[in-house]
Amino acid sequence: MQSLLVHSQAAIIRPCGSLNAANAAELRQQLQTAVLSEKNNALLIDMSQIESLDSAGLMALVSALNLAQESRKRFSLCAVSVPVRIVFELTQLDRVFEIFENVAAFEATA
């Protein structure tokens, strides 16, 4: 369902397909594990392979963001497609999440 890469203490997670009620609990658990890992001080979710996002998928991301903030870790998104970005804009979560054009743009700020 996803791949995990680690770049200089930043974990990059690449989920694929749809983030919805069918897999939101699994995603939430995987993100929680990555956030709480001692190996990572930052987490980047590469959304390039995400086709759709519903409220359950969005809540999994918000939950992970909150946990990252409590843990004083960076939590960012990148490569968000236009249809998925519209969901973030409609919910005004584009103002809450740090969103980058791509992985390289994220790494340039590290």
N, C-alpha and C. Protein backbone atom coordinates (compact mmCIF):
# COMPACT_ATOMS: atom_id res chain seq x y z
N MET A 1 0.81 -1.20 0.00
CA MET A 1 0.00 0.00 0.00
C MET A 1 0.85 1.25 0.00
N GLN A 2 2.03 1.18 0.58
CA GLN A 2 2.86 2.38 0.64
C GLN A 2 4.31 1.98 0.75
N SER A 3 5.17 2.94 0.54
CA SER A 3 6.60 2.69 0.75
C SER A 3 7.11 3.70 1.76
N LEU A 4 8.19 3.33 2.41
CA LEU A 4 8.80 4.18 3.43
C LEU A 4 10.27 4.32 3.11
N LEU A 5 10.72 5.56 2.97
CA LEU A 5 12.12 5.87 2.74
C LEU A 5 12.59 6.75 3.88
N VAL A 6 13.86 6.65 4.22
CA VAL A 6 14.39 7.52 5.28
C VAL A 6 15.55 8.32 4.71
N HIS A 7 15.44 9.63 4.78
CA HIS A 7 16.48 10.55 4.32
C HIS A 7 16.89 11.42 5.49
N SER A 8 18.11 11.28 5.92
CA SER A 8 18.68 12.13 6.97
C SER A 8 17.67 12.52 8.04
N GLN A 9 17.19 11.54 8.75
CA GLN A 9 16.26 11.69 9.87
C GLN A 9 14.88 12.19 9.45
N ALA A 10 14.57 12.17 8.17
CA ALA A 10 13.22 12.48 7.71
C ALA A 10 12.67 11.24 7.01
N ALA A 11 11.56 10.75 7.50
CA ALA A 11 10.92 9.60 6.86
C ALA A 11 9.99 10.12 5.77
N ILE A 12 10.06 9.48 4.62
CA ILE A 12 9.17 9.83 3.52
C ILE A 12 8.23 8.64 3.31
N ILE A 13 6.94 8.90 3.44
CA ILE A 13 5.94 7.86 3.28
C ILE A 13 5.17 8.15 2.01
N ARG A 14 5.04 7.12 1.16
CA ARG A 14 4.34 7.28 -0.12
C ARG A 14 3.12 6.35 -0.16
N PRO A 15 2.00 6.79 0.38
CA PRO A 15 0.79 5.97 0.25
C PRO A 15 0.32 6.00 -1.20
N CYS A 16 -0.49 5.03 -1.59
CA CYS A 16 -0.99 5.02 -2.96
C CYS A 16 -2.46 4.63 -2.99
N GLY A 17 -3.11 5.00 -4.07
CA GLY A 17 -4.53 4.69 -4.22
C GLY A 17 -5.40 5.73 -3.56
N SER A 18 -6.40 5.26 -2.87
CA SER A 18 -7.34 6.14 -2.18
C SER A 18 -7.10 6.09 -0.68
N LEU A 19 -7.19 7.25 -0.06
CA LEU A 19 -7.16 7.31 1.41
C LEU A 19 -8.59 7.52 1.84
N ASN A 20 -9.20 6.45 2.35
CA ASN A 20 -10.62 6.52 2.67
C ASN A 20 -10.94 5.68 3.90
N ALA A 21 -12.22 5.55 4.18
CA ALA A 21 -12.65 4.83 5.38
C ALA A 21 -12.17 3.38 5.39
N ALA A 22 -11.96 2.80 4.23
CA ALA A 22 -11.53 1.40 4.16
C ALA A 22 -10.10 1.19 4.66
N ASN A 23 -9.26 2.22 4.56
CA ASN A 23 -7.86 2.04 4.97
C ASN A 23 -7.34 3.13 5.90
N ALA A 24 -8.21 4.01 6.36
CA ALA A 24 -7.77 5.13 7.21
C ALA A 24 -7.18 4.67 8.54
N ALA A 25 -7.76 3.65 9.14
CA ALA A 25 -7.24 3.17 10.43
C ALA A 25 -5.83 2.62 10.27
N GLU A 26 -5.60 1.88 9.19
CA GLU A 26 -4.27 1.34 8.92
C GLU A 26 -3.27 2.48 8.68
N LEU A 27 -3.68 3.46 7.89
CA LEU A 27 -2.80 4.61 7.63
C LEU A 27 -2.49 5.35 8.92
N ARG A 28 -3.51 5.57 9.74
CA ARG A 28 -3.32 6.28 11.01
C ARG A 28 -2.29 5.56 11.87
N GLN A 29 -2.38 4.24 11.94
CA GLN A 29 -1.45 3.45 12.74
C GLN A 29 -0.02 3.55 12.19
N GLN A 30 0.12 3.46 10.87
CA GLN A 30 1.44 3.54 10.26
C GLN A 30 2.06 4.92 10.45
N LEU A 31 1.25 5.96 10.33
CA LEU A 31 1.76 7.31 10.55
C LEU A 31 2.14 7.53 12.00
N GLN A 32 1.33 7.00 12.91
CA GLN A 32 1.64 7.12 14.34
C GLN A 32 2.97 6.44 14.66
N THR A 33 3.18 5.26 14.12
CA THR A 33 4.44 4.54 14.34
C THR A 33 5.62 5.35 13.81
N ALA A 34 5.47 5.92 12.62
CA ALA A 34 6.55 6.71 12.03
C ALA A 34 6.83 7.97 12.83
N VAL A 35 5.78 8.65 13.29
CA VAL A 35 5.97 9.87 14.08
C VAL A 35 6.67 9.56 15.40
N LEU A 36 6.28 8.47 16.04
CA LEU A 36 6.85 8.14 17.35
C LEU A 36 8.22 7.49 17.27
N SER A 37 8.67 7.15 16.08
CA SER A 37 9.98 6.54 15.92
C SER A 37 11.09 7.50 16.33
N GLU A 38 12.03 6.99 17.08
CA GLU A 38 13.18 7.80 17.51
C GLU A 38 14.08 8.16 16.33
N LYS A 39 13.97 7.42 15.24
CA LYS A 39 14.84 7.63 14.08
C LYS A 39 14.48 8.87 13.29
N ASN A 40 13.24 9.34 13.41
CA ASN A 40 12.75 10.43 12.58
C ASN A 40 12.52 11.70 13.37
N ASN A 41 13.00 12.82 12.85
CA ASN A 41 12.63 14.09 13.44
C ASN A 41 11.69 14.86 12.52
N ALA A 42 11.43 14.26 11.34
CA ALA A 42 10.50 14.86 10.39
C ALA A 42 9.84 13.75 9.58
N LEU A 43 8.65 14.04 9.12
CA LEU A 43 7.89 13.09 8.32
C LEU A 43 7.35 13.83 7.11
N LEU A 44 7.56 13.28 5.94
CA LEU A 44 7.03 13.84 4.70
C LEU A 44 6.12 12.80 4.06
N ILE A 45 4.89 13.19 3.80
CA ILE A 45 3.94 12.32 3.13
C ILE A 45 3.91 12.73 1.66
N ASP A 46 4.44 11.85 0.81
CA ASP A 46 4.46 12.09 -0.64
C ASP A 46 3.11 11.63 -1.19
N MET A 47 2.28 12.58 -1.58
CA MET A 47 0.91 12.30 -2.00
C MET A 47 0.79 12.07 -3.51
N SER A 48 1.89 11.90 -4.20
CA SER A 48 1.87 11.80 -5.66
C SER A 48 1.08 10.60 -6.18
N GLN A 49 0.93 9.56 -5.39
CA GLN A 49 0.21 8.36 -5.82
C GLN A 49 -1.21 8.28 -5.26
N ILE A 50 -1.67 9.35 -4.62
CA ILE A 50 -3.01 9.37 -4.04
C ILE A 50 -4.01 9.82 -5.08
N GLU A 51 -5.02 8.98 -5.32
CA GLU A 51 -6.05 9.27 -6.31
C GLU A 51 -7.23 10.04 -5.71
N SER A 52 -7.56 9.72 -4.47
CA SER A 52 -8.69 10.39 -3.82
C SER A 52 -8.50 10.38 -2.31
N LEU A 53 -9.23 11.28 -1.66
CA LEU A 53 -9.11 11.45 -0.21
C LEU A 53 -10.49 11.77 0.33
N ASP A 54 -10.96 10.99 1.30
CA ASP A 54 -12.23 11.31 1.93
C ASP A 54 -11.99 11.81 3.36
N SER A 55 -13.07 12.05 4.08
CA SER A 55 -12.93 12.63 5.42
C SER A 55 -12.17 11.72 6.37
N ALA A 56 -12.32 10.41 6.24
CA ALA A 56 -11.59 9.49 7.12
C ALA A 56 -10.10 9.55 6.84
N GLY A 57 -9.72 9.59 5.56
CA GLY A 57 -8.31 9.72 5.20
C GLY A 57 -7.74 11.05 5.67
N LEU A 58 -8.53 12.09 5.54
CA LEU A 58 -8.11 13.42 5.99
C LEU A 58 -7.90 13.43 7.50
N MET A 59 -8.79 12.78 8.23
CA MET A 59 -8.65 12.73 9.69
C MET A 59 -7.42 11.94 10.12
N ALA A 60 -7.04 10.92 9.35
CA ALA A 60 -5.81 10.17 9.66
C ALA A 60 -4.61 11.10 9.54
N LEU A 61 -4.60 11.94 8.52
CA LEU A 61 -3.50 12.90 8.35
C LEU A 61 -3.50 13.96 9.45
N VAL A 62 -4.68 14.47 9.80
CA VAL A 62 -4.79 15.47 10.86
C VAL A 62 -4.34 14.89 12.19
N SER A 63 -4.73 13.66 12.47
CA SER A 63 -4.33 12.98 13.70
C SER A 63 -2.80 12.86 13.78
N ALA A 64 -2.18 12.47 12.67
CA ALA A 64 -0.72 12.34 12.64
C ALA A 64 -0.06 13.71 12.78
N LEU A 65 -0.63 14.73 12.17
CA LEU A 65 -0.08 16.09 12.33
C LEU A 65 -0.13 16.51 13.79
N ASN A 66 -1.25 16.28 14.45
CA ASN A 66 -1.36 16.65 15.87
C ASN A 66 -0.34 15.91 16.72
N LEU A 67 -0.16 14.62 16.47
CA LEU A 67 0.82 13.84 17.21
C LEU A 67 2.24 14.36 16.95
N ALA A 68 2.52 14.69 15.70
CA ALA A 68 3.84 15.23 15.36
C ALA A 68 4.08 16.55 16.08
N GLN A 69 3.08 17.40 16.13
CA GLN A 69 3.23 18.68 16.82
C GLN A 69 3.46 18.46 18.31
N GLU A 70 2.74 17.52 18.91
CA GLU A 70 2.95 17.20 20.32
C GLU A 70 4.35 16.65 20.57
N SER A 71 4.87 15.93 19.59
CA SER A 71 6.20 15.33 19.69
C SER A 71 7.30 16.26 19.21
N ARG A 72 6.91 17.46 18.83
CA ARG A 72 7.85 18.47 18.31
C ARG A 72 8.62 17.96 17.10
N LYS A 73 7.87 17.37 16.18
CA LYS A 73 8.45 16.87 14.94
C LYS A 73 7.77 17.55 13.76
N ARG A 74 8.51 17.66 12.69
CA ARG A 74 7.99 18.28 11.48
C ARG A 74 7.13 17.27 10.72
N PHE A 75 5.98 17.71 10.23
CA PHE A 75 5.07 16.85 9.47
C PHE A 75 4.62 17.63 8.24
N SER A 76 4.96 17.13 7.06
CA SER A 76 4.69 17.86 5.83
C SER A 76 4.10 16.94 4.77
N LEU A 77 3.49 17.57 3.77
CA LEU A 77 2.95 16.86 2.62
C LEU A 77 3.63 17.39 1.37
N CYS A 78 3.68 16.57 0.32
CA CYS A 78 4.19 17.06 -0.96
C CYS A 78 3.48 16.35 -2.10
N ALA A 79 3.61 16.93 -3.28
CA ALA A 79 3.08 16.36 -4.53
C ALA A 79 1.58 16.07 -4.44
N VAL A 80 0.83 17.03 -3.93
CA VAL A 80 -0.61 16.88 -3.77
C VAL A 80 -1.29 17.21 -5.11
N SER A 81 -2.05 16.26 -5.64
CA SER A 81 -2.73 16.48 -6.93
C SER A 81 -3.80 17.56 -6.79
N VAL A 82 -4.23 18.10 -7.90
CA VAL A 82 -5.24 19.16 -7.88
C VAL A 82 -6.54 18.69 -7.22
N PRO A 83 -7.10 17.53 -7.58
CA PRO A 83 -8.34 17.12 -6.90
C PRO A 83 -8.20 16.95 -5.39
N VAL A 84 -7.07 16.41 -4.97
CA VAL A 84 -6.85 16.23 -3.53
C VAL A 84 -6.58 17.57 -2.86
N ARG A 85 -5.87 18.44 -3.54
CA ARG A 85 -5.59 19.77 -2.99
C ARG A 85 -6.89 20.55 -2.76
N ILE A 86 -7.87 20.36 -3.62
CA ILE A 86 -9.16 21.03 -3.45
C ILE A 86 -9.80 20.63 -2.12
N VAL A 87 -9.64 19.37 -1.72
CA VAL A 87 -10.16 18.93 -0.42
C VAL A 87 -9.50 19.71 0.71
N PHE A 88 -8.18 19.89 0.61
CA PHE A 88 -7.46 20.65 1.63
C PHE A 88 -7.90 22.12 1.63
N GLU A 89 -8.13 22.68 0.46
CA GLU A 89 -8.56 24.07 0.37
C GLU A 89 -9.97 24.27 0.89
N LEU A 90 -10.88 23.37 0.54
CA LEU A 90 -12.26 23.49 1.01
C LEU A 90 -12.36 23.38 2.53
N THR A 91 -11.51 22.57 3.12
CA THR A 91 -11.51 22.41 4.58
C THR A 91 -10.58 23.41 5.26
N GLN A 92 -9.90 24.22 4.46
CA GLN A 92 -8.91 25.20 4.91
C GLN A 92 -7.73 24.56 5.63
N LEU A 93 -7.53 23.27 5.40
CA LEU A 93 -6.38 22.59 5.99
C LEU A 93 -5.10 22.86 5.22
N ASP A 94 -5.23 23.48 4.04
CA ASP A 94 -4.03 23.89 3.31
C ASP A 94 -3.29 24.98 4.09
N ARG A 95 -3.97 25.61 5.03
CA ARG A 95 -3.35 26.63 5.90
C ARG A 95 -2.69 26.00 7.13
N VAL A 96 -3.04 24.75 7.41
CA VAL A 96 -2.55 24.06 8.59
C VAL A 96 -1.34 23.19 8.26
N PHE A 97 -1.43 22.48 7.14
CA PHE A 97 -0.35 21.59 6.71
C PHE A 97 0.71 22.36 5.95
N GLU A 98 1.94 21.95 6.14
CA GLU A 98 3.05 22.45 5.35
C GLU A 98 3.06 21.60 4.07
N ILE A 99 2.78 22.23 2.92
CA ILE A 99 2.64 21.50 1.66
C ILE A 99 3.70 21.98 0.67
N PHE A 100 4.46 21.01 0.13
CA PHE A 100 5.53 21.32 -0.83
C PHE A 100 5.18 20.78 -2.21
N GLU A 101 5.78 21.37 -3.21
CA GLU A 101 5.59 20.95 -4.60
C GLU A 101 6.06 19.51 -4.81
N ASN A 102 7.23 19.16 -4.24
CA ASN A 102 7.79 17.82 -4.41
C ASN A 102 8.80 17.54 -3.30
N VAL A 103 9.40 16.37 -3.34
CA VAL A 103 10.35 15.96 -2.30
C VAL A 103 11.56 16.91 -2.29
N ALA A 104 12.02 17.29 -3.47
CA ALA A 104 13.20 18.17 -3.57
C ALA A 104 12.94 19.51 -2.89
N ALA A 105 11.74 20.05 -3.05
CA ALA A 105 11.39 21.32 -2.40
C ALA A 105 11.40 21.18 -0.88
N PHE A 106 10.93 20.05 -0.38
CA PHE A 106 10.98 19.78 1.06
C PHE A 106 12.43 19.70 1.53
N GLU A 107 13.23 18.92 0.82
CA GLU A 107 14.63 18.72 1.22
C GLU A 107 15.42 20.03 1.17
N ALA A 108 15.03 20.94 0.30
CA ALA A 108 15.73 22.23 0.21
C ALA A 108 15.51 23.08 1.45
N THR A 109 14.46 22.78 2.23
CA THR A 109 14.17 23.56 3.43
C THR A 109 14.70 22.90 4.70
N ALA A 110 15.22 21.68 4.56
CA ALA A 110 15.68 20.94 5.74
C ALA A 110 16.99 21.45 6.27
